[in-house]
N, C-alpha and C. Protein backbone atom coordinates (compact mmCIF):
# COMPACT_ATOMS: atom_id res chain seq x y z
N MET A 1 26.70 -5.83 18.50
CA MET A 1 25.51 -6.39 17.90
C MET A 1 25.34 -5.83 16.49
N ASP A 2 25.14 -6.70 15.53
CA ASP A 2 24.90 -6.28 14.16
C ASP A 2 23.44 -5.94 13.96
N THR A 3 23.16 -4.75 13.49
CA THR A 3 21.78 -4.37 13.18
C THR A 3 21.72 -3.94 11.73
N LYS A 4 20.67 -4.38 11.06
CA LYS A 4 20.47 -3.99 9.67
C LYS A 4 19.88 -2.59 9.61
N ARG A 5 20.46 -1.77 8.76
CA ARG A 5 19.89 -0.44 8.55
C ARG A 5 18.69 -0.59 7.63
N ARG A 6 17.62 0.07 7.98
CA ARG A 6 16.39 0.02 7.20
C ARG A 6 16.09 1.40 6.65
N ARG A 7 15.73 1.46 5.38
CA ARG A 7 15.30 2.72 4.76
C ARG A 7 13.86 2.52 4.33
N TYR A 8 12.98 3.23 4.98
CA TYR A 8 11.56 3.13 4.66
C TYR A 8 11.25 3.99 3.44
N PHE A 9 10.37 3.49 2.60
CA PHE A 9 10.01 4.21 1.38
C PHE A 9 8.54 3.98 1.05
N HIS A 10 8.04 4.79 0.16
CA HIS A 10 6.72 4.51 -0.41
C HIS A 10 6.74 4.84 -1.89
N LEU A 11 5.84 4.21 -2.60
CA LEU A 11 5.70 4.38 -4.03
C LEU A 11 4.41 5.12 -4.31
N GLU A 12 4.46 6.06 -5.25
CA GLU A 12 3.29 6.87 -5.57
C GLU A 12 3.00 6.82 -7.06
N ASP A 13 1.75 7.12 -7.42
CA ASP A 13 1.43 7.31 -8.83
C ASP A 13 1.65 8.77 -9.20
N ALA A 14 1.36 9.14 -10.42
CA ALA A 14 1.61 10.51 -10.89
C ALA A 14 0.77 11.56 -10.17
N ASP A 15 -0.35 11.15 -9.56
CA ASP A 15 -1.22 12.07 -8.83
C ASP A 15 -0.85 12.18 -7.35
N GLY A 16 0.19 11.47 -6.91
CA GLY A 16 0.61 11.52 -5.52
C GLY A 16 -0.09 10.52 -4.61
N GLU A 17 -0.90 9.63 -5.18
CA GLU A 17 -1.57 8.59 -4.39
C GLU A 17 -0.55 7.53 -4.00
N ARG A 18 -0.56 7.12 -2.75
CA ARG A 18 0.36 6.10 -2.27
C ARG A 18 -0.10 4.72 -2.76
N LEU A 19 0.82 4.00 -3.41
CA LEU A 19 0.51 2.68 -3.96
C LEU A 19 1.09 1.55 -3.12
N ALA A 20 2.21 1.80 -2.47
CA ALA A 20 2.86 0.76 -1.67
C ALA A 20 3.80 1.42 -0.67
N TYR A 21 4.09 0.65 0.40
CA TYR A 21 4.96 1.12 1.47
C TYR A 21 5.87 -0.05 1.84
N GLY A 22 7.15 0.22 2.07
CA GLY A 22 8.04 -0.88 2.39
C GLY A 22 9.36 -0.44 2.98
N VAL A 23 10.29 -1.42 3.02
CA VAL A 23 11.60 -1.23 3.64
C VAL A 23 12.67 -1.72 2.67
N LEU A 24 13.73 -0.93 2.51
CA LEU A 24 14.89 -1.31 1.73
C LEU A 24 16.05 -1.52 2.70
N TYR A 25 16.70 -2.69 2.61
CA TYR A 25 17.84 -3.01 3.47
C TYR A 25 19.15 -2.74 2.72
N ASP A 26 20.22 -2.51 3.45
CA ASP A 26 21.52 -2.21 2.85
C ASP A 26 21.97 -3.27 1.85
N GLU A 27 21.62 -4.53 2.09
CA GLU A 27 22.02 -5.62 1.19
C GLU A 27 21.27 -5.58 -0.13
N GLY A 28 20.25 -4.74 -0.24
CA GLY A 28 19.47 -4.64 -1.45
C GLY A 28 18.12 -5.34 -1.37
N ASN A 29 17.91 -6.14 -0.35
CA ASN A 29 16.63 -6.82 -0.18
C ASN A 29 15.54 -5.80 0.12
N VAL A 30 14.33 -6.12 -0.34
CA VAL A 30 13.19 -5.21 -0.17
C VAL A 30 12.03 -6.00 0.42
N GLN A 31 11.34 -5.38 1.35
CA GLN A 31 10.12 -5.96 1.91
C GLN A 31 8.99 -4.95 1.73
N ILE A 32 7.91 -5.39 1.08
CA ILE A 32 6.72 -4.56 0.93
C ILE A 32 5.79 -4.88 2.09
N LEU A 33 5.41 -3.86 2.84
CA LEU A 33 4.56 -4.03 4.02
C LEU A 33 3.09 -3.75 3.75
N TRP A 34 2.83 -2.92 2.74
CA TRP A 34 1.45 -2.57 2.41
C TRP A 34 1.35 -2.22 0.94
N ARG A 35 0.28 -2.67 0.29
CA ARG A 35 0.00 -2.33 -1.10
C ARG A 35 -1.45 -1.88 -1.21
N ALA A 36 -1.69 -0.87 -2.02
CA ALA A 36 -3.04 -0.34 -2.19
C ALA A 36 -3.99 -1.40 -2.75
N ASP A 37 -3.47 -2.29 -3.60
CA ASP A 37 -4.33 -3.29 -4.23
C ASP A 37 -4.52 -4.56 -3.39
N TYR A 38 -3.68 -4.79 -2.35
CA TYR A 38 -3.79 -5.98 -1.51
C TYR A 38 -3.99 -5.69 -0.03
N GLY A 39 -3.62 -4.51 0.42
CA GLY A 39 -3.65 -4.20 1.85
C GLY A 39 -2.33 -4.61 2.48
N TYR A 40 -2.36 -4.94 3.76
CA TYR A 40 -1.14 -5.32 4.48
C TYR A 40 -0.63 -6.65 3.96
N THR A 41 0.69 -6.72 3.78
CA THR A 41 1.32 -7.89 3.21
C THR A 41 2.73 -8.01 3.76
N ALA A 42 3.44 -9.02 3.38
CA ALA A 42 4.84 -9.19 3.79
C ALA A 42 5.60 -9.78 2.61
N GLU A 43 5.58 -9.11 1.49
CA GLU A 43 6.24 -9.59 0.28
C GLU A 43 7.74 -9.31 0.35
N GLN A 44 8.54 -10.27 -0.08
CA GLN A 44 9.99 -10.14 -0.07
C GLN A 44 10.50 -10.14 -1.51
N TYR A 45 11.39 -9.23 -1.82
CA TYR A 45 12.01 -9.15 -3.14
C TYR A 45 13.51 -9.02 -2.96
N SER A 46 14.27 -9.49 -3.95
CA SER A 46 15.73 -9.44 -3.84
C SER A 46 16.31 -8.11 -4.31
N SER A 47 15.50 -7.29 -5.01
CA SER A 47 16.01 -6.00 -5.45
C SER A 47 14.87 -5.00 -5.63
N LEU A 48 15.23 -3.75 -5.62
CA LEU A 48 14.26 -2.68 -5.81
C LEU A 48 13.71 -2.68 -7.24
N THR A 49 14.50 -3.15 -8.19
CA THR A 49 14.07 -3.21 -9.58
C THR A 49 12.81 -4.07 -9.73
N GLN A 50 12.75 -5.19 -9.02
CA GLN A 50 11.58 -6.05 -9.07
C GLN A 50 10.35 -5.33 -8.54
N VAL A 51 10.52 -4.55 -7.51
CA VAL A 51 9.40 -3.82 -6.90
C VAL A 51 8.88 -2.76 -7.86
N LEU A 52 9.77 -2.05 -8.52
CA LEU A 52 9.36 -0.98 -9.43
C LEU A 52 8.59 -1.53 -10.63
N GLY A 53 8.79 -2.78 -10.98
CA GLY A 53 8.09 -3.39 -12.09
C GLY A 53 6.77 -4.06 -11.72
N MET A 54 6.39 -4.04 -10.45
CA MET A 54 5.19 -4.78 -10.04
C MET A 54 3.88 -4.06 -10.33
N MET A 55 3.90 -2.74 -10.52
CA MET A 55 2.69 -1.97 -10.83
C MET A 55 3.03 -0.98 -11.93
N ALA A 56 2.24 -0.96 -12.96
CA ALA A 56 2.50 -0.07 -14.10
C ALA A 56 2.36 1.40 -13.74
N GLU A 57 1.54 1.71 -12.76
CA GLU A 57 1.25 3.12 -12.44
C GLU A 57 2.27 3.78 -11.50
N ILE A 58 3.31 3.08 -11.08
CA ILE A 58 4.33 3.68 -10.21
C ILE A 58 5.06 4.79 -10.96
N ALA A 59 5.08 6.00 -10.37
CA ALA A 59 5.77 7.13 -10.98
C ALA A 59 6.84 7.72 -10.06
N VAL A 60 6.70 7.51 -8.74
CA VAL A 60 7.61 8.14 -7.77
C VAL A 60 8.02 7.12 -6.71
N LEU A 61 9.33 7.09 -6.42
CA LEU A 61 9.88 6.36 -5.28
C LEU A 61 10.34 7.41 -4.30
N ARG A 62 9.74 7.43 -3.12
CA ARG A 62 10.07 8.46 -2.14
C ARG A 62 10.54 7.80 -0.85
N PHE A 63 11.78 8.14 -0.44
CA PHE A 63 12.31 7.62 0.82
C PHE A 63 11.78 8.46 1.98
N GLU A 64 11.45 7.79 3.07
CA GLU A 64 10.97 8.47 4.28
C GLU A 64 12.18 9.04 5.02
N ASP A 65 11.97 10.06 5.81
CA ASP A 65 13.03 10.63 6.64
C ASP A 65 13.45 9.64 7.71
N ASP A 66 14.75 9.55 7.96
CA ASP A 66 15.25 8.71 9.04
C ASP A 66 14.89 9.33 10.38
N GLU A 67 14.52 8.48 11.32
CA GLU A 67 14.21 8.96 12.68
C GLU A 67 15.41 8.70 13.57
N ALA A 68 16.48 9.44 13.37
CA ALA A 68 17.70 9.23 14.14
C ALA A 68 17.97 10.34 15.10
């Protein structure tokens, strides 16, 4: 069975406030699950670069620890 590996991440501003939470897939696709300005969402992007440009205040991309 083929399973996609998911890497969970969150985006923070310079003060450490969480701005967004999402999933990065091995193929490069990104899904945003929550945004501070919209709440829960299901936004799809084709690359992480698009996500990093969506909010001017993003200062940190932090990957979550894998639960393996």
